[in-house]
PDB file of all heavy atoms in Angstrom:
ATOM      1  N   VAL A   1     -80.883   9.929 -17.950  1.00  0.00           N
ATOM      2  CA  VAL A   1     -80.522   9.733 -19.343  1.00  0.00           C
ATOM      3  C   VAL A   1     -80.260   8.306 -19.479  1.00  0.00           C
ATOM      4  O   VAL A   1     -79.510   7.662 -18.863  1.00  0.00           O
ATOM      5  CB  VAL A   1     -79.253  10.451 -19.661  1.00  0.00           C
ATOM      6  CG1 VAL A   1     -78.856  10.240 -21.106  1.00  0.00           C
ATOM      7  CG2 VAL A   1     -79.407  12.015 -19.444  1.00  0.00           C
ATOM      8  N   HIS A   2     -81.060   7.655 -20.488  1.00  0.00           N
ATOM      9  CA  HIS A   2     -80.981   6.126 -20.666  1.00  0.00           C
ATOM     10  C   HIS A   2     -80.292   5.894 -21.926  1.00  0.00           C
ATOM     11  O   HIS A   2     -80.061   6.715 -22.874  1.00  0.00           O
ATOM     12  CB  HIS A   2     -82.401   5.604 -20.812  1.00  0.00           C
ATOM     13  CG  HIS A   2     -83.239   5.800 -19.549  1.00  0.00           C
ATOM     14  ND1 HIS A   2     -83.731   7.054 -19.220  1.00  0.00           N
ATOM     15  CD2 HIS A   2     -83.606   4.978 -18.659  1.00  0.00           C
ATOM     16  CE1 HIS A   2     -84.423   6.981 -18.105  1.00  0.00           C
ATOM     17  NE2 HIS A   2     -84.475   5.684 -17.824  1.00  0.00           N
ATOM     18  N   THR A   3     -79.809   4.742 -22.103  1.00  0.00           N
ATOM     19  CA  THR A   3     -79.320   4.190 -23.436  1.00  0.00           C
ATOM     20  C   THR A   3     -79.862   2.733 -23.567  1.00  0.00           C
ATOM     21  O   THR A   3     -80.087   2.085 -22.511  1.00  0.00           O
ATOM     22  CB  THR A   3     -77.764   4.194 -23.497  1.00  0.00           C
ATOM     23  OG1 THR A   3     -77.410   3.800 -24.832  1.00  0.00           O
ATOM     24  CG2 THR A   3     -77.149   3.259 -22.639  1.00  0.00           C
ATOM     25  N   ALA A   4     -80.157   2.296 -24.811  1.00  0.00           N
ATOM     26  CA  ALA A   4     -80.605   1.043 -24.940  1.00  0.00           C
ATOM     27  C   ALA A   4     -79.620  -0.027 -24.555  1.00  0.00           C
ATOM     28  O   ALA A   4     -78.427   0.127 -24.724  1.00  0.00           O
ATOM     29  CB  ALA A   4     -81.031   0.756 -26.496  1.00  0.00           C
ATOM     30  N   ALA A   5     -80.097  -0.975 -23.913  1.00  0.00           N
ATOM     31  CA  ALA A   5     -79.191  -2.065 -23.417  1.00  0.00           C
ATOM     32  C   ALA A   5     -78.503  -2.813 -24.754  1.00  0.00           C
ATOM     33  O   ALA A   5     -79.174  -2.839 -25.795  1.00  0.00           O
ATOM     34  CB  ALA A   5     -79.980  -3.200 -22.666  1.00  0.00           C
ATOM     35  N   ALA A   6     -77.315  -3.228 -24.563  1.00  0.00           N
ATOM     36  CA  ALA A   6     -76.635  -3.810 -25.645  1.00  0.00           C
ATOM     37  C   ALA A   6     -77.427  -5.085 -26.141  1.00  0.00           C
ATOM     38  O   ALA A   6     -77.726  -6.007 -25.362  1.00  0.00           O
ATOM     39  CB  ALA A   6     -75.244  -4.305 -25.242  1.00  0.00           C
ATOM     40  N   VAL A   7     -77.713  -5.126 -27.396  1.00  0.00           N
ATOM     41  CA  VAL A   7     -78.372  -6.239 -27.971  1.00  0.00           C
ATOM     42  C   VAL A   7     -77.497  -6.763 -29.042  1.00  0.00           C
ATOM     43  O   VAL A   7     -76.979  -5.886 -29.741  1.00  0.00           O
ATOM     44  CB  VAL A   7     -79.873  -5.853 -28.379  1.00  0.00           C
ATOM     45  CG1 VAL A   7     -80.797  -5.713 -27.112  1.00  0.00           C
ATOM     46  CG2 VAL A   7     -80.034  -4.691 -29.261  1.00  0.00           C
ATOM     47  N   ARG A   8     -77.676  -7.951 -29.430  1.00  0.00           N
ATOM     48  CA  ARG A   8     -76.835  -8.428 -30.492  1.00  0.00           C
ATOM     49  C   ARG A   8     -77.776  -8.240 -31.726  1.00  0.00           C
ATOM     50  O   ARG A   8     -78.742  -8.836 -32.066  1.00  0.00           O
ATOM     51  CB  ARG A   8     -76.843 -10.066 -30.352  1.00  0.00           C
ATOM     52  CG  ARG A   8     -75.786 -10.584 -31.156  1.00  0.00           C
ATOM     53  CD  ARG A   8     -75.425 -12.117 -30.687  1.00  0.00           C
ATOM     54  NE  ARG A   8     -74.388 -12.721 -31.519  1.00  0.00           N
ATOM     55  CZ  ARG A   8     -73.188 -12.453 -31.384  1.00  0.00           C
ATOM     56  NH1 ARG A   8     -72.624 -11.669 -30.407  1.00  0.00           N
ATOM     57  NH2 ARG A   8     -72.217 -13.010 -32.085  1.00  0.00           N
ATOM     58  N   GLN A   9     -77.131  -7.229 -32.510  1.00  0.00           N
ATOM     59  CA  GLN A   9     -77.906  -6.785 -33.767  1.00  0.00           C
ATOM     60  C   GLN A   9     -77.166  -7.408 -34.877  1.00  0.00           C
ATOM     61  O   GLN A   9     -76.025  -7.702 -34.988  1.00  0.00           O
ATOM     62  CB  GLN A   9     -77.927  -5.266 -33.801  1.00  0.00           C
ATOM     63  CG  GLN A   9     -78.828  -4.650 -32.790  1.00  0.00           C
ATOM     64  CD  GLN A   9     -78.816  -3.116 -33.079  1.00  0.00           C
ATOM     65  OE1 GLN A   9     -77.884  -2.552 -33.575  1.00  0.00           O
ATOM     66  NE2 GLN A   9     -79.867  -2.486 -32.602  1.00  0.00           N
ATOM     67  N   ARG A  10     -77.876  -7.612 -35.966  1.00  0.00           N
ATOM     68  CA  ARG A  10     -77.340  -8.028 -37.266  1.00  0.00           C
ATOM     69  C   ARG A  10     -76.218  -7.020 -37.791  1.00  0.00           C
ATOM     70  O   ARG A  10     -76.572  -5.884 -37.851  1.00  0.00           O
ATOM     71  CB  ARG A  10     -78.407  -8.269 -38.197  1.00  0.00           C
ATOM     72  CG  ARG A  10     -78.025  -9.190 -39.509  1.00  0.00           C
ATOM     73  CD  ARG A  10     -79.257  -9.546 -40.192  1.00  0.00           C
ATOM     74  NE  ARG A  10     -79.234  -8.969 -41.483  1.00  0.00           N
ATOM     75  CZ  ARG A  10     -80.199  -8.968 -42.409  1.00  0.00           C
ATOM     76  NH1 ARG A  10     -81.348  -9.492 -42.044  1.00  0.00           N
ATOM     77  NH2 ARG A  10     -80.018  -8.343 -43.609  1.00  0.00           N
ATOM     78  N   PRO A  11     -74.998  -7.534 -38.138  1.00  0.00           N
ATOM     79  CA  PRO A  11     -74.098  -6.544 -38.568  1.00  0.00           C
ATOM     80  C   PRO A  11     -74.473  -5.812 -39.893  1.00  0.00           C
ATOM     81  O   PRO A  11     -75.086  -6.500 -40.827  1.00  0.00           O
ATOM     82  CB  PRO A  11     -72.791  -7.285 -38.841  1.00  0.00           C
ATOM     83  CG  PRO A  11     -73.237  -8.754 -38.881  1.00  0.00           C
ATOM     84  CD  PRO A  11     -74.508  -8.770 -38.035  1.00  0.00           C
ATOM     85  N   VAL A  12     -74.156  -4.602 -40.003  1.00  0.00           N
ATOM     86  CA  VAL A  12     -74.462  -3.770 -41.225  1.00  0.00           C
ATOM     87  C   VAL A  12     -73.167  -3.414 -42.010  1.00  0.00           C
ATOM     88  O   VAL A  12     -72.126  -3.026 -41.210  1.00  0.00           O
ATOM     89  CB  VAL A  12     -75.286  -2.532 -40.871  1.00  0.00           C
ATOM     90  CG1 VAL A  12     -75.572  -1.633 -42.156  1.00  0.00           C
ATOM     91  CG2 VAL A  12     -76.518  -2.820 -40.155  1.00  0.00           C
ATOM     92  N   PHE A  13     -73.188  -3.625 -43.235  1.00  0.00           N
ATOM     93  CA  PHE A  13     -72.006  -3.251 -44.036  1.00  0.00           C
ATOM     94  C   PHE A  13     -71.563  -1.795 -43.820  1.00  0.00           C
ATOM     95  O   PHE A  13     -72.503  -0.916 -43.967  1.00  0.00           O
ATOM     96  CB  PHE A  13     -72.401  -3.511 -45.594  1.00  0.00           C
ATOM     97  CG  PHE A  13     -71.035  -3.612 -46.425  1.00  0.00           C
ATOM     98  CD1 PHE A  13     -70.419  -4.818 -46.608  1.00  0.00           C
ATOM     99  CD2 PHE A  13     -70.632  -2.442 -47.011  1.00  0.00           C
ATOM    100  CE1 PHE A  13     -69.257  -4.925 -47.352  1.00  0.00           C
ATOM    101  CE2 PHE A  13     -69.487  -2.586 -47.892  1.00  0.00           C
ATOM    102  CZ  PHE A  13     -68.863  -3.724 -47.993  1.00  0.00           C
ATOM    103  N   PRO A  14     -70.397  -1.421 -43.564  1.00  0.00           N
ATOM    104  CA  PRO A  14     -69.965  -0.158 -43.242  1.00  0.00           C
ATOM    105  C   PRO A  14     -70.059   0.790 -44.503  1.00  0.00           C
ATOM    106  O   PRO A  14     -69.671   0.484 -45.600  1.00  0.00           O
ATOM    107  CB  PRO A  14     -68.530  -0.232 -42.803  1.00  0.00           C
ATOM    108  CG  PRO A  14     -68.013  -1.587 -43.266  1.00  0.00           C
ATOM    109  CD  PRO A  14     -69.196  -2.441 -43.333  1.00  0.00           C
ATOM    110  N   PHE A  15     -70.678   2.032 -44.162  1.00  0.00           N
ATOM    111  CA  PHE A  15     -70.881   2.973 -45.268  1.00  0.00           C
ATOM    112  C   PHE A  15     -69.531   3.401 -45.965  1.00  0.00           C
ATOM    113  O   PHE A  15     -69.517   3.520 -47.207  1.00  0.00           O
ATOM    114  CB  PHE A  15     -71.492   4.232 -44.681  1.00  0.00           C
ATOM    115  CG  PHE A  15     -71.905   5.307 -45.672  1.00  0.00           C
ATOM    116  CD1 PHE A  15     -73.128   5.196 -46.384  1.00  0.00           C
ATOM    117  CD2 PHE A  15     -70.997   6.305 -45.956  1.00  0.00           C
ATOM    118  CE1 PHE A  15     -73.474   6.147 -47.294  1.00  0.00           C
ATOM    119  CE2 PHE A  15     -71.365   7.255 -46.875  1.00  0.00           C
ATOM    120  CZ  PHE A  15     -72.630   7.225 -47.559  1.00  0.00           C
ATOM    121  N   THR A  16     -68.515   3.510 -45.180  1.00  0.00           N
ATOM    122  CA  THR A  16     -67.244   3.969 -45.713  1.00  0.00           C
ATOM    123  C   THR A  16     -66.469   2.906 -46.553  1.00  0.00           C
ATOM    124  O   THR A  16     -65.524   3.141 -47.234  1.00  0.00           O
ATOM    125  CB  THR A  16     -66.222   4.418 -44.583  1.00  0.00           C
ATOM    126  OG1 THR A  16     -66.120   3.431 -43.630  1.00  0.00           O
ATOM    127  CG2 THR A  16     -66.760   5.706 -43.939  1.00  0.00           C
ATOM    128  N   ALA A  17     -67.036   1.629 -46.608  1.00  0.00           N
ATOM    129  CA  ALA A  17     -66.377   0.550 -47.278  1.00  0.00           C
ATOM    130  C   ALA A  17     -67.086   0.443 -48.670  1.00  0.00           C
ATOM    131  O   ALA A  17     -66.594  -0.368 -49.508  1.00  0.00           O
ATOM    132  CB  ALA A  17     -66.482  -0.822 -46.554  1.00  0.00           C
ATOM    133  N   ILE A  18     -68.096   1.157 -48.908  1.00  0.00           N
ATOM    134  CA  ILE A  18     -68.986   0.955 -50.139  1.00  0.00           C
ATOM    135  C   ILE A  18     -68.021   1.606 -51.241  1.00  0.00           C
ATOM    136  O   ILE A  18     -67.671   2.791 -51.227  1.00  0.00           O
ATOM    137  CB  ILE A  18     -70.347   1.509 -50.031  1.00  0.00           C
ATOM    138  CG1 ILE A  18     -71.159   0.848 -49.015  1.00  0.00           C
ATOM    139  CG2 ILE A  18     -71.009   1.737 -51.414  1.00  0.00           C
ATOM    140  CD1 ILE A  18     -72.390   1.501 -48.658  1.00  0.00           C
ATOM    141  N   VAL A  19     -67.881   0.842 -52.327  1.00  0.00           N
ATOM    142  CA  VAL A  19     -67.038   1.264 -53.432  1.00  0.00           C
ATOM    143  C   VAL A  19     -68.059   1.913 -54.512  1.00  0.00           C
ATOM    144  O   VAL A  19     -69.030   1.223 -54.953  1.00  0.00           O
ATOM    145  CB  VAL A  19     -66.287   0.046 -54.048  1.00  0.00           C
ATOM    146  CG1 VAL A  19     -65.476   0.611 -55.241  1.00  0.00           C
ATOM    147  CG2 VAL A  19     -65.328  -0.514 -52.917  1.00  0.00           C
ATOM    148  N   GLY A  20     -67.545   2.821 -55.145  1.00  0.00           N
ATOM    149  CA  GLY A  20     -68.376   3.581 -56.341  1.00  0.00           C
ATOM    150  C   GLY A  20     -69.698   4.156 -55.778  1.00  0.00           C
ATOM    151  O   GLY A  20     -69.868   4.472 -54.640  1.00  0.00           O
ATOM    152  N   GLN A  21     -70.621   4.360 -56.826  1.00  0.00           N
ATOM    153  CA  GLN A  21     -71.916   5.012 -56.623  1.00  0.00           C
ATOM    154  C   GLN A  21     -71.775   6.237 -55.858  1.00  0.00           C
ATOM    155  O   GLN A  21     -72.520   6.479 -54.863  1.00  0.00           O
ATOM    156  CB  GLN A  21     -72.833   4.006 -55.849  1.00  0.00           C
ATOM    157  CG  GLN A  21     -72.893   2.613 -56.427  1.00  0.00           C
ATOM    158  CD  GLN A  21     -73.469   2.625 -57.906  1.00  0.00           C
ATOM    159  OE1 GLN A  21     -73.455   3.685 -58.472  1.00  0.00           O
ATOM    160  NE2 GLN A  21     -73.584   1.390 -58.401  1.00  0.00           N
ATOM    161  N   GLU A  22     -70.789   7.072 -56.212  1.00  0.00           N
ATOM    162  CA  GLU A  22     -70.441   8.355 -55.574  1.00  0.00           C
ATOM    163  C   GLU A  22     -71.704   9.342 -55.624  1.00  0.00           C
ATOM    164  O   GLU A  22     -71.944  10.088 -54.604  1.00  0.00           O
ATOM    165  CB  GLU A  22     -69.310   9.016 -56.116  1.00  0.00           C
ATOM    166  CG  GLU A  22     -68.000   8.195 -56.094  1.00  0.00           C
ATOM    167  CD  GLU A  22     -67.656   7.765 -54.641  1.00  0.00           C
ATOM    168  OE1 GLU A  22     -67.844   8.590 -53.705  1.00  0.00           O
ATOM    169  OE2 GLU A  22     -67.140   6.699 -54.430  1.00  0.00           O
ATOM    170  N   GLU A  23     -72.420   9.350 -56.631  1.00  0.00           N
ATOM    171  CA  GLU A  23     -73.614  10.307 -56.780  1.00  0.00           C
ATOM    172  C   GLU A  23     -74.652  10.043 -55.750  1.00  0.00           C
ATOM    173  O   GLU A  23     -75.119  10.924 -55.086  1.00  0.00           O
ATOM    174  CB  GLU A  23     -74.122  10.073 -58.211  1.00  0.00           C
ATOM    175  CG  GLU A  23     -75.131  11.170 -58.634  1.00  0.00           C
ATOM    176  CD  GLU A  23     -75.520  11.148 -60.049  1.00  0.00           C
ATOM    177  OE1 GLU A  23     -74.748  11.619 -60.912  1.00  0.00           O
ATOM    178  OE2 GLU A  23     -76.637  10.614 -60.304  1.00  0.00           O
ATOM    179  N   MET A  24     -74.905   8.622 -55.563  1.00  0.00           N
ATOM    180  CA  MET A  24     -75.957   8.278 -54.547  1.00  0.00           C
ATOM    181  C   MET A  24     -75.408   8.577 -53.154  1.00  0.00           C
ATOM    182  O   MET A  24     -76.226   9.135 -52.327  1.00  0.00           O
ATOM    183  CB  MET A  24     -76.282   6.777 -54.604  1.00  0.00           C
ATOM    184  CG  MET A  24     -77.106   6.152 -53.527  1.00  0.00           C
ATOM    185  SD  MET A  24     -77.575   4.417 -53.772  1.00  0.00           S
ATOM    186  CE  MET A  24     -76.064   3.712 -53.939  1.00  0.00           C
ATOM    187  N   LYS A  25     -74.229   8.327 -52.913  1.00  0.00           N
ATOM    188  CA  LYS A  25     -73.722   8.531 -51.598  1.00  0.00           C
ATOM    189  C   LYS A  25     -73.663  10.039 -51.157  1.00  0.00           C
ATOM    190  O   LYS A  25     -74.025  10.384 -50.078  1.00  0.00           O
ATOM    191  CB  LYS A  25     -72.255   7.969 -51.411  1.00  0.00           C
ATOM    192  CG  LYS A  25     -72.227   6.542 -51.426  1.00  0.00           C
ATOM    193  CD  LYS A  25     -70.881   5.904 -50.938  1.00  0.00           C
ATOM    194  CE  LYS A  25     -69.859   6.061 -52.053  1.00  0.00           C
ATOM    195  NZ  LYS A  25     -68.590   5.369 -51.726  1.00  0.00           N
ATOM    196  N   LEU A  26     -73.238  10.869 -52.112  1.00  0.00           N
ATOM    197  CA  LEU A  26     -73.249  12.290 -51.930  1.00  0.00           C
ATOM    198  C   LEU A  26     -74.681  12.736 -51.630  1.00  0.00           C
ATOM    199  O   LEU A  26     -74.837  13.613 -50.734  1.00  0.00           O
ATOM    200  CB  LEU A  26     -72.681  12.992 -53.109  1.00  0.00           C
ATOM    201  CG  LEU A  26     -72.522  14.469 -53.116  1.00  0.00           C
ATOM    202  CD1 LEU A  26     -71.633  15.044 -51.893  1.00  0.00           C
ATOM    203  CD2 LEU A  26     -72.220  15.131 -54.426  1.00  0.00           C
ATOM    204  N   ALA A  27     -75.614  12.404 -52.385  1.00  0.00           N
ATOM    205  CA  ALA A  27     -76.951  12.831 -52.196  1.00  0.00           C
ATOM    206  C   ALA A  27     -77.503  12.518 -50.932  1.00  0.00           C
ATOM    207  O   ALA A  27     -78.131  13.274 -50.168  1.00  0.00           O
ATOM    208  CB  ALA A  27     -77.939  12.277 -53.332  1.00  0.00           C
ATOM    209  N   LEU A  28     -77.312  11.378 -50.363  1.00  0.00           N
ATOM    210  CA  LEU A  28     -77.651  10.794 -49.045  1.00  0.00           C
ATOM    211  C   LEU A  28     -76.990  11.550 -47.980  1.00  0.00           C
ATOM    212  O   LEU A  28     -77.660  12.030 -47.045  1.00  0.00           O
ATOM    213  CB  LEU A  28     -77.445   9.250 -48.937  1.00  0.00           C
ATOM    214  CG  LEU A  28     -78.216   8.316 -49.800  1.00  0.00           C
ATOM    215  CD1 LEU A  28     -77.683   6.865 -49.790  1.00  0.00           C
ATOM    216  CD2 LEU A  28     -79.748   8.359 -49.309  1.00  0.00           C
ATOM    217  N   LEU A  29     -75.699  11.821 -48.119  1.00  0.00           N
ATOM    218  CA  LEU A  29     -74.968  12.484 -47.020  1.00  0.00           C
ATOM    219  C   LEU A  29     -75.463  13.959 -47.024  1.00  0.00           C
ATOM    220  O   LEU A  29     -75.620  14.567 -45.782  1.00  0.00           O
ATOM    221  CB  LEU A  29     -73.496  12.480 -47.310  1.00  0.00           C
ATOM    222  CG  LEU A  29     -72.751  11.293 -47.101  1.00  0.00           C
ATOM    223  CD1 LEU A  29     -71.374  11.348 -47.610  1.00  0.00           C
ATOM    224  CD2 LEU A  29     -72.791  10.729 -45.693  1.00  0.00           C
ATOM    225  N   LEU A  30     -75.711  14.613 -48.084  1.00  0.00           N
ATOM    226  CA  LEU A  30     -76.221  16.007 -48.050  1.00  0.00           C
ATOM    227  C   LEU A  30     -77.599  16.120 -47.442  1.00  0.00           C
ATOM    228  O   LEU A  30     -77.969  17.103 -46.658  1.00  0.00           O
ATOM    229  CB  LEU A  30     -76.303  16.581 -49.431  1.00  0.00           C
ATOM    230  CG  LEU A  30     -74.915  16.717 -50.075  1.00  0.00           C
ATOM    231  CD1 LEU A  30     -75.129  17.332 -51.507  1.00  0.00           C
ATOM    232  CD2 LEU A  30     -73.816  17.497 -49.253  1.00  0.00           C
ATOM    233  N   ASN A  31     -78.441  15.027 -47.705  1.00  0.00           N
ATOM    234  CA  ASN A  31     -79.857  15.103 -47.013  1.00  0.00           C
ATOM    235  C   ASN A  31     -79.753  14.884 -45.564  1.00  0.00           C
ATOM    236  O   ASN A  31     -80.633  15.258 -44.757  1.00  0.00           O
ATOM    237  CB  ASN A  31     -80.779  14.115 -47.700  1.00  0.00           C
ATOM    238  CG  ASN A  31     -81.475  14.681 -48.862  1.00  0.00           C
ATOM    239  OD1 ASN A  31     -82.506  15.144 -48.789  1.00  0.00           O
ATOM    240  ND2 ASN A  31     -80.842  14.610 -50.050  1.00  0.00           N
ATOM    241  N   VAL A  32     -78.819  14.063 -45.144  1.00  0.00           N
ATOM    242  CA  VAL A  32     -78.572  14.012 -43.565  1.00  0.00           C
ATOM    243  C   VAL A  32     -78.117  15.293 -42.963  1.00  0.00           C
ATOM    244  O   VAL A  32     -78.493  15.634 -41.901  1.00  0.00           O
ATOM    245  CB  VAL A  32     -77.537  12.789 -43.303  1.00  0.00           C
ATOM    246  CG1 VAL A  32     -77.140  12.786 -41.957  1.00  0.00           C
ATOM    247  CG2 VAL A  32     -78.188  11.524 -43.668  1.00  0.00           C
ATOM    248  N   ILE A  33     -77.231  16.057 -43.611  1.00  0.00           N
ATOM    249  CA  ILE A  33     -76.818  17.288 -43.196  1.00  0.00           C
ATOM    250  C   ILE A  33     -77.836  18.272 -43.114  1.00  0.00           C
ATOM    251  O   ILE A  33     -78.054  19.052 -42.168  1.00  0.00           O
ATOM    252  CB  ILE A  33     -75.590  17.723 -43.968  1.00  0.00           C
ATOM    253  CG1 ILE A  33     -74.392  16.861 -43.861  1.00  0.00           C
ATOM    254  CG2 ILE A  33     -75.191  19.153 -43.560  1.00  0.00           C
ATOM    255  CD1 ILE A  33     -73.198  17.048 -44.843  1.00  0.00           C
ATOM    256  N   ASP A  34     -78.640  18.365 -44.192  1.00  0.00           N
ATOM    257  CA  ASP A  34     -79.898  19.219 -44.189  1.00  0.00           C
ATOM    258  C   ASP A  34     -81.088  18.559 -44.733  1.00  0.00           C
ATOM    259  O   ASP A  34     -81.299  18.538 -45.948  1.00  0.00           O
ATOM    260  CB  ASP A  34     -79.575  20.423 -45.157  1.00  0.00           C
ATOM    261  CG  ASP A  34     -80.675  21.472 -45.174  1.00  0.00           C
ATOM    262  OD1 ASP A  34     -81.663  21.224 -44.374  1.00  0.00           O
ATOM    263  OD2 ASP A  34     -80.537  22.489 -45.912  1.00  0.00           O
ATOM    264  N   PRO A  35     -81.880  18.035 -43.790  1.00  0.00           N
ATOM    265  CA  PRO A  35     -83.170  17.257 -44.148  1.00  0.00           C
ATOM    266  C   PRO A  35     -84.121  17.973 -44.975  1.00  0.00           C
ATOM    267  O   PRO A  35     -84.876  17.496 -45.707  1.00  0.00           O
ATOM    268  CB  PRO A  35     -83.650  16.697 -42.815  1.00  0.00           C
ATOM    269  CG  PRO A  35     -82.528  16.701 -41.859  1.00  0.00           C
ATOM    270  CD  PRO A  35     -81.679  17.858 -42.334  1.00  0.00           C
ATOM    271  N   LYS A  36     -84.031  19.403 -44.867  1.00  0.00           N
ATOM    272  CA  LYS A  36     -84.898  20.203 -45.614  1.00  0.00           C
ATOM    273  C   LYS A  36     -84.623  20.276 -47.124  1.00  0.00           C
ATOM    274  O   LYS A  36     -85.319  20.827 -47.925  1.00  0.00           O
ATOM    275  CB  LYS A  36     -84.870  21.631 -45.025  1.00  0.00           C
ATOM    276  CG  LYS A  36     -85.361  21.780 -43.563  1.00  0.00           C
ATOM    277  CD  LYS A  36     -85.446  23.197 -43.241  1.00  0.00           C
ATOM    278  CE  LYS A  36     -86.048  23.300 -41.760  1.00  0.00           C
ATOM    279  NZ  LYS A  36     -86.055  24.741 -41.239  1.00  0.00           N
ATOM    280  N   ILE A  37     -83.586  19.571 -47.592  1.00  0.00           N
ATOM    281  CA  ILE A  37     -83.356  19.406 -49.048  1.00  0.00           C
ATOM    282  C   ILE A  37     -84.518  18.644 -49.707  1.00  0.00           C
ATOM    283  O   ILE A  37     -84.900  18.971 -50.873  1.00  0.00           O
ATOM    284  CB  ILE A  37     -82.045  18.695 -49.375  1.00  0.00           C
ATOM    285  CG1 ILE A  37     -80.878  19.628 -48.976  1.00  0.00           C
ATOM    286  CG2 ILE A  37     -81.907  18.236 -50.745  1.00  0.00           C
ATOM    287  CD1 ILE A  37     -79.451  19.038 -49.116  1.00  0.00           C
ATOM    288  N   GLY A  38     -85.120  17.761 -48.922  1.00  0.00           N
ATOM    289  CA  GLY A  38     -86.382  17.076 -49.496  1.00  0.00           C
ATOM    290  C   GLY A  38     -86.252  15.633 -49.909  1.00  0.00           C
ATOM    291  O   GLY A  38     -87.154  15.136 -50.551  1.00  0.00           O
ATOM    292  N   GLY A  39     -85.194  14.980 -49.489  1.00  0.00           N
ATOM    293  CA  GLY A  39     -85.051  13.597 -49.795  1.00  0.00           C
ATOM    294  C   GLY A  39     -84.426  13.233 -51.106  1.00  0.00           C
ATOM    295  O   GLY A  39     -84.011  14.154 -51.782  1.00  0.00           O
ATOM    296  N   VAL A  40     -84.281  11.927 -51.323  1.00  0.00           N
ATOM    297  CA  VAL A  40     -83.446  11.530 -52.631  1.00  0.00           C
ATOM    298  C   VAL A  40     -84.390  10.438 -53.262  1.00  0.00           C
ATOM    299  O   VAL A  40     -84.910   9.526 -52.742  1.00  0.00           O
ATOM    300  CB  VAL A  40     -82.164  10.896 -52.243  1.00  0.00           C
ATOM    301  CG1 VAL A  40     -81.406  10.637 -53.480  1.00  0.00           C
ATOM    302  CG2 VAL A  40     -81.456  11.755 -51.176  1.00  0.00           C
ATOM    303  N   MET A  41     -84.455  10.525 -54.598  1.00  0.00           N
ATOM    304  CA  MET A  41     -85.024   9.523 -55.450  1.00  0.00           C
ATOM    305  C   MET A  41     -83.833   8.765 -56.069  1.00  0.00           C
ATOM    306  O   MET A  41     -83.047   9.442 -56.802  1.00  0.00           O
ATOM    307  CB  MET A  41     -85.944  10.152 -56.466  1.00  0.00           C
ATOM    308  CG  MET A  41     -86.503   9.093 -57.444  1.00  0.00           C
ATOM    309  SD  MET A  41     -87.687   7.964 -56.450  1.00  0.00           S
ATOM    310  CE  MET A  41     -87.912   6.746 -57.855  1.00  0.00           C
ATOM    311  N   ILE A  42     -83.684   7.555 -55.980  1.00  0.00           N
ATOM    312  CA  ILE A  42     -82.555   6.725 -56.621  1.00  0.00           C
ATOM    313  C   ILE A  42     -83.037   5.783 -57.573  1.00  0.00           C
ATOM    314  O   ILE A  42     -83.754   4.846 -57.284  1.00  0.00           O
ATOM    315  CB  ILE A  42     -81.751   5.988 -55.456  1.00  0.00           C
ATOM    316  CG1 ILE A  42     -81.292   6.849 -54.433  1.00  0.00           C
ATOM    317  CG2 ILE A  42     -80.576   5.128 -56.069  1.00  0.00           C
ATOM    318  CD1 ILE A  42     -80.743   6.203 -53.065  1.00  0.00           C
ATOM    319  N   MET A  43     -82.696   6.024 -58.833  1.00  0.00           N
ATOM    320  CA  MET A  43     -83.190   5.245 -59.970  1.00  0.00           C
ATOM    321  C   MET A  43     -81.974   4.499 -60.490  1.00  0.00           C
ATOM    322  O   MET A  43     -80.955   5.128 -60.708  1.00  0.00           O
ATOM    323  CB  MET A  43     -83.956   5.964 -60.901  1.00  0.00           C
ATOM    324  CG  MET A  43     -85.198   6.650 -60.444  1.00  0.00           C
ATOM    325  SD  MET A  43     -86.499   5.299 -59.995  1.00  0.00           S
ATOM    326  CE  MET A  43     -87.199   4.946 -61.639  1.00  0.00           C
ATOM    327  N   GLY A  44     -82.050   3.130 -60.690  1.00  0.00           N
ATOM    328  CA  GLY A  44     -80.944   2.431 -61.320  1.00  0.00           C
ATOM    329  C   GLY A  44     -81.166   0.993 -61.434  1.00  0.00           C
ATOM    330  O   GLY A  44     -82.232   0.496 -61.115  1.00  0.00           O
ATOM    331  N   ASP A  45     -80.209   0.317 -61.905  1.00  0.00           N
ATOM    332  CA  ASP A  45     -80.283  -1.073 -62.190  1.00  0.00           C
ATOM    333  C   ASP A  45     -80.465  -1.857 -60.891  1.00  0.00           C
ATOM    334  O   ASP A  45     -80.030  -1.505 -59.793  1.00  0.00           O
ATOM    335  CB  ASP A  45     -78.970  -1.535 -62.900  1.00  0.00           C
ATOM    336  CG  ASP A  45     -78.688  -0.761 -64.159  1.00  0.00           C
ATOM    337  OD1 ASP A  45     -79.638  -0.280 -64.820  1.00  0.00           O
ATOM    338  OD2 ASP A  45     -77.554  -0.459 -64.512  1.00  0.00           O
ATOM    339  N   ARG A  46     -80.936  -3.030 -61.048  1.00  0.00           N
ATOM    340  CA  ARG A  46     -81.092  -3.982 -59.942  1.00  0.00           C
ATOM    341  C   ARG A  46     -79.740  -4.387 -59.508  1.00  0.00           C
ATOM    342  O   ARG A  46     -78.750  -4.509 -60.316  1.00  0.00           O
ATOM    343  CB  ARG A  46     -81.930  -5.354 -60.202  1.00  0.00           C
ATOM    344  CG  ARG A  46     -83.433  -4.915 -60.643  1.00  0.00           C
ATOM    345  CD  ARG A  46     -84.005  -6.161 -61.014  1.00  0.00           C
ATOM    346  NE  ARG A  46     -83.555  -6.744 -62.367  1.00  0.00           N
ATOM    347  CZ  ARG A  46     -84.032  -6.480 -63.468  1.00  0.00           C
ATOM    348  NH1 ARG A  46     -84.902  -5.552 -63.575  1.00  0.00           N
ATOM    349  NH2 ARG A  46     -83.443  -6.977 -64.625  1.00  0.00           N
ATOM    350  N   GLY A  47     -79.489  -4.715 -58.161  1.00  0.00           N
ATOM    351  CA  GLY A  47     -78.322  -5.240 -57.664  1.00  0.00           C
ATOM    352  C   GLY A  47     -77.162  -4.273 -57.619  1.00  0.00           C
ATOM    353  O   GLY A  47     -75.978  -4.580 -57.677  1.00  0.00           O
ATOM    354  N   THR A  48     -77.430  -2.983 -57.519  1.00  0.00           N
ATOM    355  CA  THR A  48     -76.303  -1.917 -57.466  1.00  0.00           C
ATOM    356  C   THR A  48     -76.170  -1.504 -56.090  1.00  0.00           C
ATOM    357  O   THR A  48     -75.390  -0.378 -56.019  1.00  0.00           O
ATOM    358  CB  THR A  48     -76.711  -0.832 -58.558  1.00  0.00           C
ATOM    359  OG1 THR A  48     -78.039  -0.422 -58.311  1.00  0.00           O
ATOM    360  CG2 THR A  48     -76.479  -1.311 -59.907  1.00  0.00           C
TER     361      THR A  48
END
C-alpha cells in the first residue's frame, strides 16, 4: 500500500470557510455523496 510522497502543493482555500453560496455548496456535496445524481451546472455572475 503506497501513498504519494509529501510534496509542497499550492494551498487551497478551505471549503468550510466559504461564506454564502449555499445552493452551490449543497449541490456539490450531494453529487459527491451520490455521483449518480448526474453532476451540477452552476450559472451565475463573474467573480462569485
